[in-house]
Amino acid sequence: MFTEQQEKWLKRAEELFMRYGIKSITMDDVAREIGISKKTLYLFVDNKDDLVNKVLERHIGMEKAVCGQMFAEAANAIEEMFFVMEANSQQMQQMKANIVHDLQKYHRDAWEKIRDFQRGFLYSVVHANLERGVREGLYRSNFDVDIVAKLHIATTFQLFDEDLFPQLTYAKETVFREHLLHYLYGIVSEKGIQLLKAKLS
Protein backbone atom coordinates (compact mmCIF):
# COMPACT_ATOMS: atom_id res chain seq x y z
CA MET A 1 0.00 0.00 0.00
CA PHE A 2 2.85 2.39 0.89
CA THR A 3 6.25 2.63 -0.80
CA GLU A 4 9.38 1.81 1.19
CA GLN A 5 10.12 5.53 1.50
CA GLN A 6 6.59 6.30 2.69
CA GLU A 7 6.83 3.47 5.24
CA LYS A 8 9.93 5.17 6.68
CA TRP A 9 8.14 8.52 6.84
CA LEU A 10 5.14 7.00 8.62
CA LYS A 11 7.34 5.08 11.04
CA ARG A 12 9.17 8.28 12.00
CA ALA A 13 5.89 10.21 12.32
CA GLU A 14 4.51 7.47 14.59
CA GLU A 15 7.62 7.67 16.78
CA LEU A 16 7.08 11.42 17.15
CA PHE A 17 3.40 10.99 18.04
CA MET A 18 4.18 8.23 20.54
CA ARG A 19 6.88 10.29 22.25
CA TYR A 20 5.25 13.72 22.33
CA GLY A 21 1.54 13.11 21.73
CA ILE A 22 -0.34 13.99 18.56
CA LYS A 23 -1.67 17.48 19.33
CA SER A 24 1.75 18.95 20.17
CA ILE A 25 3.37 17.82 16.89
CA THR A 26 2.95 20.12 13.88
CA MET A 27 3.32 19.29 10.20
CA ASP A 28 6.48 21.44 10.24
CA ASP A 29 7.85 19.19 13.00
CA VAL A 30 7.04 16.06 10.98
CA ALA A 31 8.61 17.39 7.75
CA ARG A 32 11.75 18.49 9.60
CA GLU A 33 12.15 15.20 11.47
CA ILE A 34 11.74 13.00 8.39
CA GLY A 35 14.01 15.25 6.35
CA ILE A 36 11.68 16.47 3.61
CA SER A 37 10.03 19.76 2.72
CA LYS A 38 6.50 20.45 3.90
CA LYS A 39 5.53 20.68 0.22
CA THR A 40 6.73 17.10 -0.34
CA LEU A 41 4.88 15.97 2.77
CA TYR A 42 1.66 17.51 1.45
CA LEU A 43 2.07 15.60 -1.82
CA PHE A 44 1.75 12.44 0.30
CA VAL A 45 -0.96 13.52 2.78
CA ASP A 46 -3.78 16.06 2.57
CA ASN A 47 -3.43 17.36 6.13
CA LYS A 48 -2.49 16.29 9.65
CA ASP A 49 -5.67 14.25 10.06
CA ASP A 50 -4.80 12.32 6.90
CA LEU A 51 -1.28 11.76 8.23
CA VAL A 52 -2.62 10.41 11.53
CA ASN A 53 -4.93 8.05 9.61
CA LYS A 54 -2.08 6.79 7.42
CA VAL A 55 0.17 6.30 10.46
CA LEU A 56 -2.60 4.30 12.08
CA GLU A 57 -3.23 2.20 8.96
CA ARG A 58 0.45 1.26 8.89
CA HIS A 59 0.45 0.56 12.65
CA ILE A 60 -2.58 -1.73 12.42
CA GLY A 61 -1.01 -3.62 9.52
CA MET A 62 2.15 -4.13 11.57
CA GLU A 63 0.13 -5.25 14.61
CA LYS A 64 -1.68 -7.88 12.53
CA ALA A 65 1.61 -9.20 11.13
CA VAL A 66 3.25 -9.33 14.57
CA CYS A 67 0.23 -11.12 16.08
CA GLY A 68 0.31 -13.72 13.33
CA GLN A 69 4.04 -14.33 13.80
CA MET A 70 3.90 -14.45 17.61
CA PHE A 71 0.97 -16.82 17.71
CA ALA A 72 2.50 -19.13 15.09
CA GLU A 73 5.63 -19.43 17.25
CA ALA A 74 3.86 -19.88 20.62
CA ALA A 75 3.90 -23.41 22.05
CA ASN A 76 0.55 -22.92 23.81
CA ALA A 77 -2.18 -20.39 24.64
CA ILE A 78 -0.47 -19.06 27.77
CA GLU A 79 2.77 -18.49 25.89
CA GLU A 80 0.76 -16.52 23.31
CA MET A 81 -0.41 -14.18 26.07
CA PHE A 82 3.15 -13.73 27.37
CA PHE A 83 4.25 -12.75 23.85
CA VAL A 84 1.44 -10.16 23.86
CA MET A 85 2.53 -8.91 27.29
CA GLU A 86 6.14 -8.48 26.19
CA ALA A 87 5.29 -6.73 22.90
CA ASN A 88 2.78 -4.34 24.50
CA SER A 89 5.06 -3.52 27.43
CA GLN A 90 7.73 -2.29 25.01
CA GLN A 91 5.18 -0.15 23.16
CA MET A 92 3.75 1.34 26.33
CA GLN A 93 7.17 2.39 27.60
CA GLN A 94 7.46 4.62 24.51
CA MET A 95 3.86 5.90 24.48
CA LYS A 96 2.85 9.38 25.62
CA ALA A 97 -0.09 9.01 28.01
CA ASN A 98 -2.34 11.53 26.24
CA ILE A 99 -2.18 9.90 22.79
CA VAL A 100 -5.55 8.15 23.26
CA HIS A 101 -7.14 11.44 24.41
CA ASP A 102 -5.69 13.22 21.35
CA LEU A 103 -7.16 10.61 19.02
CA GLN A 104 -10.57 10.71 20.70
CA LYS A 105 -10.80 14.51 20.69
CA TYR A 106 -9.03 15.62 17.52
CA HIS A 107 -8.94 12.65 15.11
CA ARG A 108 -12.29 10.85 15.30
CA ASP A 109 -11.84 8.90 12.04
CA ALA A 110 -8.57 7.47 13.31
CA TRP A 111 -10.17 6.69 16.68
CA GLU A 112 -13.00 4.81 14.94
CA LYS A 113 -10.38 2.79 13.01
CA ILE A 114 -8.89 1.77 16.36
CA ARG A 115 -12.32 0.83 17.70
CA ASP A 116 -13.05 -1.25 14.59
CA PHE A 117 -9.64 -2.94 14.93
CA GLN A 118 -10.34 -3.59 18.60
CA ARG A 119 -13.82 -5.03 18.07
CA GLY A 120 -12.88 -6.97 14.94
CA PHE A 121 -9.32 -8.26 14.68
CA LEU A 122 -8.34 -8.06 18.37
CA TYR A 123 -11.60 -9.68 19.45
CA SER A 124 -10.97 -12.58 17.02
CA VAL A 125 -7.41 -12.98 18.35
CA VAL A 126 -8.55 -13.09 21.99
CA HIS A 127 -11.44 -15.41 21.11
CA ALA A 128 -9.08 -17.80 19.28
CA ASN A 129 -6.63 -17.75 22.20
CA LEU A 130 -9.41 -18.63 24.65
CA GLU A 131 -10.57 -21.51 22.45
CA ARG A 132 -7.00 -22.76 22.11
CA GLY A 133 -6.44 -22.61 25.86
CA VAL A 134 -9.63 -24.56 26.53
CA ARG A 135 -8.62 -27.21 23.95
CA GLU A 136 -5.18 -27.51 25.53
CA GLY A 137 -6.71 -27.86 29.00
CA LEU A 138 -4.85 -24.74 30.18
CA TYR A 139 -8.01 -22.63 30.55
CA ARG A 140 -11.21 -23.56 32.33
CA SER A 141 -13.99 -24.83 30.09
CA ASN A 142 -16.88 -23.49 32.19
CA PHE A 143 -17.03 -19.88 30.96
CA ASP A 144 -18.59 -18.10 27.99
CA VAL A 145 -15.75 -17.48 25.51
CA ASP A 146 -17.59 -14.68 23.68
CA ILE A 147 -18.38 -12.72 26.86
CA VAL A 148 -14.90 -13.15 28.38
CA ALA A 149 -13.25 -12.07 25.10
CA LYS A 150 -15.41 -8.93 24.97
CA LEU A 151 -14.81 -8.14 28.65
CA HIS A 152 -11.05 -8.39 28.09
CA ILE A 153 -11.13 -6.12 25.03
CA ALA A 154 -13.43 -3.58 26.72
CA THR A 155 -11.26 -3.40 29.83
CA THR A 156 -7.97 -2.97 27.97
CA PHE A 157 -8.70 0.60 26.85
CA GLN A 158 -9.49 1.64 30.42
CA LEU A 159 -5.76 1.28 31.10
CA PHE A 160 -5.23 4.56 29.22
CA ASP A 161 -7.68 6.48 31.40
CA GLU A 162 -5.59 9.20 33.05
CA ASP A 163 -8.20 9.64 35.81
CA LEU A 164 -7.87 5.99 36.81
CA PHE A 165 -4.16 5.54 36.14
CA PRO A 166 -2.34 8.90 36.02
CA GLN A 167 1.04 8.54 34.36
CA LEU A 168 2.89 10.23 37.23
CA THR A 169 1.67 7.49 39.59
CA TYR A 170 1.45 4.38 37.39
CA ALA A 171 3.83 3.09 34.72
CA LYS A 172 1.66 2.00 31.78
CA GLU A 173 3.64 -1.21 31.20
CA THR A 174 3.13 -2.19 34.87
CA VAL A 175 -0.62 -1.52 34.66
CA PHE A 176 -0.85 -3.60 31.47
CA ARG A 177 1.08 -6.50 33.04
CA GLU A 178 -1.15 -6.51 36.13
CA HIS A 179 -4.23 -6.36 33.90
CA LEU A 180 -3.09 -9.33 31.82
CA LEU A 181 -2.11 -11.43 34.84
CA HIS A 182 -5.45 -10.65 36.52
CA TYR A 183 -7.17 -11.82 33.32
CA LEU A 184 -5.10 -15.02 33.07
CA TYR A 185 -5.56 -15.99 36.72
CA GLY A 186 -9.31 -15.71 36.16
CA ILE A 187 -9.40 -18.21 33.29
CA VAL A 188 -6.63 -20.76 33.88
CA SER A 189 -7.35 -24.35 34.90
CA GLU A 190 -5.40 -26.31 37.50
CA LYS A 191 -3.04 -27.43 34.72
CA GLY A 192 -2.79 -23.87 33.43
CA ILE A 193 -1.98 -22.33 36.79
CA GLN A 194 1.05 -24.57 37.15
CA LEU A 195 2.35 -23.43 33.78
CA LEU A 196 1.55 -19.80 34.61
CA LYS A 197 3.47 -19.99 37.89
CA ALA A 198 6.41 -21.58 36.07
CA LYS A 199 6.41 -18.75 33.49
CA LEU A 200 6.41 -16.16 36.27
CA SER A 201 9.13 -17.76 38.40
C-alpha atoms as a PDB file:
ATOM      1  CA  MET A   1       0.000   0.000   0.000  1.00  0.00           C
ATOM      2  CA  PHE A   2       2.851   2.388   0.887  1.00  0.00           C
ATOM      3  CA  THR A   3       6.247   2.634  -0.796  1.00  0.00           C
ATOM      4  CA  GLU A   4       9.376   1.806   1.195  1.00  0.00           C
ATOM      5  CA  GLN A   5      10.117   5.531   1.498  1.00  0.00           C
ATOM      6  CA  GLN A   6       6.590   6.300   2.693  1.00  0.00           C
ATOM      7  CA  GLU A   7       6.831   3.473   5.240  1.00  0.00           C
ATOM      8  CA  LYS A   8       9.926   5.168   6.680  1.00  0.00           C
ATOM      9  CA  TRP A   9       8.144   8.522   6.840  1.00  0.00           C
ATOM     10  CA  LEU A  10       5.144   6.999   8.618  1.00  0.00           C
ATOM     11  CA  LYS A  11       7.343   5.083  11.039  1.00  0.00           C
ATOM     12  CA  ARG A  12       9.166   8.280  12.001  1.00  0.00           C
ATOM     13  CA  ALA A  13       5.891  10.210  12.319  1.00  0.00           C
ATOM     14  CA  GLU A  14       4.509   7.475  14.589  1.00  0.00           C
ATOM     15  CA  GLU A  15       7.615   7.668  16.783  1.00  0.00           C
ATOM     16  CA  LEU A  16       7.080  11.421  17.149  1.00  0.00           C
ATOM     17  CA  PHE A  17       3.398  10.994  18.044  1.00  0.00           C
ATOM     18  CA  MET A  18       4.182   8.233  20.539  1.00  0.00           C
ATOM     19  CA  ARG A  19       6.876  10.287  22.252  1.00  0.00           C
ATOM     20  CA  TYR A  20       5.249  13.720  22.334  1.00  0.00           C
ATOM     21  CA  GLY A  21       1.539  13.111  21.732  1.00  0.00           C
ATOM     22  CA  ILE A  22      -0.335  13.994  18.561  1.00  0.00           C
ATOM     23  CA  LYS A  23      -1.669  17.476  19.334  1.00  0.00           C
ATOM     24  CA  SER A  24       1.748  18.951  20.174  1.00  0.00           C
ATOM     25  CA  ILE A  25       3.371  17.820  16.892  1.00  0.00           C
ATOM     26  CA  THR A  26       2.949  20.122  13.879  1.00  0.00           C
ATOM     27  CA  MET A  27       3.316  19.285  10.201  1.00  0.00           C
ATOM     28  CA  ASP A  28       6.477  21.439  10.237  1.00  0.00           C
ATOM     29  CA  ASP A  29       7.853  19.186  13.000  1.00  0.00           C
ATOM     30  CA  VAL A  30       7.042  16.061  10.975  1.00  0.00           C
ATOM     31  CA  ALA A  31       8.605  17.389   7.752  1.00  0.00           C
ATOM     32  CA  ARG A  32      11.748  18.492   9.598  1.00  0.00           C
ATOM     33  CA  GLU A  33      12.146  15.204  11.471  1.00  0.00           C
ATOM     34  CA  ILE A  34      11.735  13.004   8.390  1.00  0.00           C
ATOM     35  CA  GLY A  35      14.013  15.245   6.348  1.00  0.00           C
ATOM     36  CA  ILE A  36      11.675  16.473   3.611  1.00  0.00           C
ATOM     37  CA  SER A  37      10.030  19.764   2.723  1.00  0.00           C
ATOM     38  CA  LYS A  38       6.504  20.448   3.899  1.00  0.00           C
ATOM     39  CA  LYS A  39       5.525  20.678   0.217  1.00  0.00           C
ATOM     40  CA  THR A  40       6.732  17.099  -0.342  1.00  0.00           C
ATOM     41  CA  LEU A  41       4.880  15.967   2.772  1.00  0.00           C
ATOM     42  CA  TYR A  42       1.659  17.514   1.446  1.00  0.00           C
ATOM     43  CA  LEU A  43       2.070  15.600  -1.822  1.00  0.00           C
ATOM     44  CA  PHE A  44       1.755  12.441   0.304  1.00  0.00           C
ATOM     45  CA  VAL A  45      -0.956  13.520   2.778  1.00  0.00           C
ATOM     46  CA  ASP A  46      -3.779  16.064   2.566  1.00  0.00           C
ATOM     47  CA  ASN A  47      -3.435  17.363   6.129  1.00  0.00           C
ATOM     48  CA  LYS A  48      -2.493  16.293   9.648  1.00  0.00           C
ATOM     49  CA  ASP A  49      -5.671  14.250  10.063  1.00  0.00           C
ATOM     50  CA  ASP A  50      -4.804  12.320   6.895  1.00  0.00           C
ATOM     51  CA  LEU A  51      -1.279  11.759   8.228  1.00  0.00           C
ATOM     52  CA  VAL A  52      -2.623  10.405  11.531  1.00  0.00           C
ATOM     53  CA  ASN A  53      -4.929   8.054   9.613  1.00  0.00           C
ATOM     54  CA  LYS A  54      -2.078   6.789   7.423  1.00  0.00           C
ATOM     55  CA  VAL A  55       0.173   6.299  10.461  1.00  0.00           C
ATOM     56  CA  LEU A  56      -2.602   4.301  12.078  1.00  0.00           C
ATOM     57  CA  GLU A  57      -3.230   2.198   8.960  1.00  0.00           C
ATOM     58  CA  ARG A  58       0.446   1.261   8.887  1.00  0.00           C
ATOM     59  CA  HIS A  59       0.452   0.559  12.651  1.00  0.00           C
ATOM     60  CA  ILE A  60      -2.585  -1.730  12.418  1.00  0.00           C
ATOM     61  CA  GLY A  61      -1.011  -3.617   9.517  1.00  0.00           C
ATOM     62  CA  MET A  62       2.152  -4.129  11.571  1.00  0.00           C
ATOM     63  CA  GLU A  63       0.130  -5.251  14.608  1.00  0.00           C
ATOM     64  CA  LYS A  64      -1.678  -7.881  12.531  1.00  0.00           C
ATOM     65  CA  ALA A  65       1.605  -9.200  11.130  1.00  0.00           C
ATOM     66  CA  VAL A  66       3.250  -9.327  14.569  1.00  0.00           C
ATOM     67  CA  CYS A  67       0.230 -11.123  16.084  1.00  0.00           C
ATOM     68  CA  GLY A  68       0.313 -13.716  13.328  1.00  0.00           C
ATOM     69  CA  GLN A  69       4.036 -14.330  13.800  1.00  0.00           C
ATOM     70  CA  MET A  70       3.899 -14.448  17.607  1.00  0.00           C
ATOM     71  CA  PHE A  71       0.971 -16.824  17.709  1.00  0.00           C
ATOM     72  CA  ALA A  72       2.504 -19.133  15.090  1.00  0.00           C
ATOM     73  CA  GLU A  73       5.627 -19.429  17.251  1.00  0.00           C
ATOM     74  CA  ALA A  74       3.865 -19.878  20.617  1.00  0.00           C
ATOM     75  CA  ALA A  75       3.899 -23.406  22.046  1.00  0.00           C
ATOM     76  CA  ASN A  76       0.545 -22.925  23.809  1.00  0.00           C
ATOM     77  CA  ALA A  77      -2.182 -20.395  24.644  1.00  0.00           C
ATOM     78  CA  ILE A  78      -0.471 -19.065  27.775  1.00  0.00           C
ATOM     79  CA  GLU A  79       2.772 -18.486  25.889  1.00  0.00           C
ATOM     80  CA  GLU A  80       0.758 -16.518  23.312  1.00  0.00           C
ATOM     81  CA  MET A  81      -0.412 -14.182  26.067  1.00  0.00           C
ATOM     82  CA  PHE A  82       3.148 -13.728  27.366  1.00  0.00           C
ATOM     83  CA  PHE A  83       4.247 -12.748  23.853  1.00  0.00           C
ATOM     84  CA  VAL A  84       1.439 -10.156  23.861  1.00  0.00           C
ATOM     85  CA  MET A  85       2.534  -8.907  27.294  1.00  0.00           C
ATOM     86  CA  GLU A  86       6.138  -8.482  26.190  1.00  0.00           C
ATOM     87  CA  ALA A  87       5.289  -6.732  22.904  1.00  0.00           C
ATOM     88  CA  ASN A  88       2.784  -4.344  24.501  1.00  0.00           C
ATOM     89  CA  SER A  89       5.057  -3.519  27.430  1.00  0.00           C
ATOM     90  CA  GLN A  90       7.732  -2.293  25.010  1.00  0.00           C
ATOM     91  CA  GLN A  91       5.182  -0.149  23.157  1.00  0.00           C
ATOM     92  CA  MET A  92       3.747   1.337  26.333  1.00  0.00           C
ATOM     93  CA  GLN A  93       7.171   2.387  27.605  1.00  0.00           C
ATOM     94  CA  GLN A  94       7.459   4.619  24.510  1.00  0.00           C
ATOM     95  CA  MET A  95       3.859   5.904  24.476  1.00  0.00           C
ATOM     96  CA  LYS A  96       2.852   9.376  25.616  1.00  0.00           C
ATOM     97  CA  ALA A  97      -0.093   9.013  28.005  1.00  0.00           C
ATOM     98  CA  ASN A  98      -2.338  11.535  26.238  1.00  0.00           C
ATOM     99  CA  ILE A  99      -2.177   9.902  22.795  1.00  0.00           C
ATOM    100  CA  VAL A 100      -5.549   8.154  23.262  1.00  0.00           C
ATOM    101  CA  HIS A 101      -7.136  11.436  24.409  1.00  0.00           C
ATOM    102  CA  ASP A 102      -5.692  13.225  21.350  1.00  0.00           C
ATOM    103  CA  LEU A 103      -7.158  10.615  19.022  1.00  0.00           C
ATOM    104  CA  GLN A 104     -10.574  10.710  20.695  1.00  0.00           C
ATOM    105  CA  LYS A 105     -10.800  14.511  20.693  1.00  0.00           C
ATOM    106  CA  TYR A 106      -9.031  15.623  17.516  1.00  0.00           C
ATOM    107  CA  HIS A 107      -8.944  12.652  15.108  1.00  0.00           C
ATOM    108  CA  ARG A 108     -12.285  10.849  15.297  1.00  0.00           C
ATOM    109  CA  ASP A 109     -11.842   8.897  12.043  1.00  0.00           C
ATOM    110  CA  ALA A 110      -8.567   7.465  13.315  1.00  0.00           C
ATOM    111  CA  TRP A 111     -10.166   6.686  16.678  1.00  0.00           C
ATOM    112  CA  GLU A 112     -12.996   4.811  14.944  1.00  0.00           C
ATOM    113  CA  LYS A 113     -10.383   2.791  13.015  1.00  0.00           C
ATOM    114  CA  ILE A 114      -8.889   1.766  16.362  1.00  0.00           C
ATOM    115  CA  ARG A 115     -12.318   0.834  17.703  1.00  0.00           C
ATOM    116  CA  ASP A 116     -13.047  -1.252  14.586  1.00  0.00           C
ATOM    117  CA  PHE A 117      -9.644  -2.942  14.925  1.00  0.00           C
ATOM    118  CA  GLN A 118     -10.340  -3.591  18.603  1.00  0.00           C
ATOM    119  CA  ARG A 119     -13.817  -5.033  18.069  1.00  0.00           C
ATOM    120  CA  GLY A 120     -12.883  -6.968  14.942  1.00  0.00           C
ATOM    121  CA  PHE A 121      -9.321  -8.260  14.678  1.00  0.00           C
ATOM    122  CA  LEU A 122      -8.340  -8.063  18.368  1.00  0.00           C
ATOM    123  CA  TYR A 123     -11.596  -9.684  19.446  1.00  0.00           C
ATOM    124  CA  SER A 124     -10.975 -12.579  17.023  1.00  0.00           C
ATOM    125  CA  VAL A 125      -7.414 -12.978  18.349  1.00  0.00           C
ATOM    126  CA  VAL A 126      -8.546 -13.086  21.992  1.00  0.00           C
ATOM    127  CA  HIS A 127     -11.439 -15.412  21.110  1.00  0.00           C
ATOM    128  CA  ALA A 128      -9.078 -17.805  19.278  1.00  0.00           C
ATOM    129  CA  ASN A 129      -6.634 -17.752  22.204  1.00  0.00           C
ATOM    130  CA  LEU A 130      -9.414 -18.634  24.651  1.00  0.00           C
ATOM    131  CA  GLU A 131     -10.574 -21.506  22.449  1.00  0.00           C
ATOM    132  CA  ARG A 132      -7.003 -22.760  22.107  1.00  0.00           C
ATOM    133  CA  GLY A 133      -6.438 -22.606  25.858  1.00  0.00           C
ATOM    134  CA  VAL A 134      -9.625 -24.563  26.534  1.00  0.00           C
ATOM    135  CA  ARG A 135      -8.625 -27.208  23.945  1.00  0.00           C
ATOM    136  CA  GLU A 136      -5.184 -27.508  25.532  1.00  0.00           C
ATOM    137  CA  GLY A 137      -6.705 -27.865  28.998  1.00  0.00           C
ATOM    138  CA  LEU A 138      -4.848 -24.738  30.176  1.00  0.00           C
ATOM    139  CA  TYR A 139      -8.007 -22.631  30.554  1.00  0.00           C
ATOM    140  CA  ARG A 140     -11.213 -23.557  32.329  1.00  0.00           C
ATOM    141  CA  SER A 141     -13.993 -24.826  30.086  1.00  0.00           C
ATOM    142  CA  ASN A 142     -16.878 -23.488  32.191  1.00  0.00           C
ATOM    143  CA  PHE A 143     -17.026 -19.878  30.959  1.00  0.00           C
ATOM    144  CA  ASP A 144     -18.593 -18.100  27.994  1.00  0.00           C
ATOM    145  CA  VAL A 145     -15.753 -17.483  25.508  1.00  0.00           C
ATOM    146  CA  ASP A 146     -17.586 -14.677  23.684  1.00  0.00           C
ATOM    147  CA  ILE A 147     -18.377 -12.721  26.864  1.00  0.00           C
ATOM    148  CA  VAL A 148     -14.903 -13.145  28.376  1.00  0.00           C
ATOM    149  CA  ALA A 149     -13.249 -12.067  25.104  1.00  0.00           C
ATOM    150  CA  LYS A 150     -15.408  -8.931  24.968  1.00  0.00           C
ATOM    151  CA  LEU A 151     -14.808  -8.143  28.647  1.00  0.00           C
ATOM    152  CA  HIS A 152     -11.048  -8.388  28.088  1.00  0.00           C
ATOM    153  CA  ILE A 153     -11.133  -6.118  25.031  1.00  0.00           C
ATOM    154  CA  ALA A 154     -13.431  -3.581  26.719  1.00  0.00           C
ATOM    155  CA  THR A 155     -11.256  -3.401  29.826  1.00  0.00           C
ATOM    156  CA  THR A 156      -7.969  -2.967  27.973  1.00  0.00           C
ATOM    157  CA  PHE A 157      -8.698   0.597  26.846  1.00  0.00           C
ATOM    158  CA  GLN A 158      -9.488   1.642  30.418  1.00  0.00           C
ATOM    159  CA  LEU A 159      -5.764   1.279  31.098  1.00  0.00           C
ATOM    160  CA  PHE A 160      -5.228   4.559  29.221  1.00  0.00           C
ATOM    161  CA  ASP A 161      -7.681   6.482  31.405  1.00  0.00           C
ATOM    162  CA  GLU A 162      -5.593   9.204  33.054  1.00  0.00           C
ATOM    163  CA  ASP A 163      -8.200   9.640  35.810  1.00  0.00           C
ATOM    164  CA  LEU A 164      -7.868   5.991  36.812  1.00  0.00           C
ATOM    165  CA  PHE A 165      -4.155   5.538  36.142  1.00  0.00           C
ATOM    166  CA  PRO A 166      -2.340   8.901  36.022  1.00  0.00           C
ATOM    167  CA  GLN A 167       1.041   8.545  34.363  1.00  0.00           C
ATOM    168  CA  LEU A 168       2.891  10.227  37.232  1.00  0.00           C
ATOM    169  CA  THR A 169       1.669   7.492  39.590  1.00  0.00           C
ATOM    170  CA  TYR A 170       1.447   4.384  37.392  1.00  0.00           C
ATOM    171  CA  ALA A 171       3.828   3.093  34.723  1.00  0.00           C
ATOM    172  CA  LYS A 172       1.664   1.996  31.782  1.00  0.00           C
ATOM    173  CA  GLU A 173       3.641  -1.212  31.199  1.00  0.00           C
ATOM    174  CA  THR A 174       3.132  -2.187  34.875  1.00  0.00           C
ATOM    175  CA  VAL A 175      -0.618  -1.515  34.663  1.00  0.00           C
ATOM    176  CA  PHE A 176      -0.855  -3.603  31.473  1.00  0.00           C
ATOM    177  CA  ARG A 177       1.079  -6.496  33.041  1.00  0.00           C
ATOM    178  CA  GLU A 178      -1.150  -6.505  36.126  1.00  0.00           C
ATOM    179  CA  HIS A 179      -4.230  -6.362  33.899  1.00  0.00           C
ATOM    180  CA  LEU A 180      -3.091  -9.326  31.824  1.00  0.00           C
ATOM    181  CA  LEU A 181      -2.110 -11.435  34.840  1.00  0.00           C
ATOM    182  CA  HIS A 182      -5.449 -10.648  36.523  1.00  0.00           C
ATOM    183  CA  TYR A 183      -7.169 -11.818  33.325  1.00  0.00           C
ATOM    184  CA  LEU A 184      -5.098 -15.018  33.074  1.00  0.00           C
ATOM    185  CA  TYR A 185      -5.559 -15.993  36.724  1.00  0.00           C
ATOM    186  CA  GLY A 186      -9.311 -15.711  36.165  1.00  0.00           C
ATOM    187  CA  ILE A 187      -9.401 -18.211  33.287  1.00  0.00           C
ATOM    188  CA  VAL A 188      -6.635 -20.761  33.877  1.00  0.00           C
ATOM    189  CA  SER A 189      -7.351 -24.349  34.897  1.00  0.00           C
ATOM    190  CA  GLU A 190      -5.398 -26.313  37.501  1.00  0.00           C
ATOM    191  CA  LYS A 191      -3.036 -27.433  34.720  1.00  0.00           C
ATOM    192  CA  GLY A 192      -2.789 -23.871  33.430  1.00  0.00           C
ATOM    193  CA  ILE A 193      -1.980 -22.328  36.790  1.00  0.00           C
ATOM    194  CA  GLN A 194       1.053 -24.571  37.155  1.00  0.00           C
ATOM    195  CA  LEU A 195       2.350 -23.431  33.777  1.00  0.00           C
ATOM    196  CA  LEU A 196       1.548 -19.801  34.612  1.00  0.00           C
ATOM    197  CA  LYS A 197       3.469 -19.989  37.889  1.00  0.00           C
ATOM    198  CA  ALA A 198       6.409 -21.575  36.074  1.00  0.00           C
ATOM    199  CA  LYS A 199       6.413 -18.746  33.494  1.00  0.00           C
ATOM    200  CA  LEU A 200       6.415 -16.159  36.273  1.00  0.00           C
ATOM    201  CA  SER A 201       9.130 -17.764  38.405  1.00  0.00           C
END
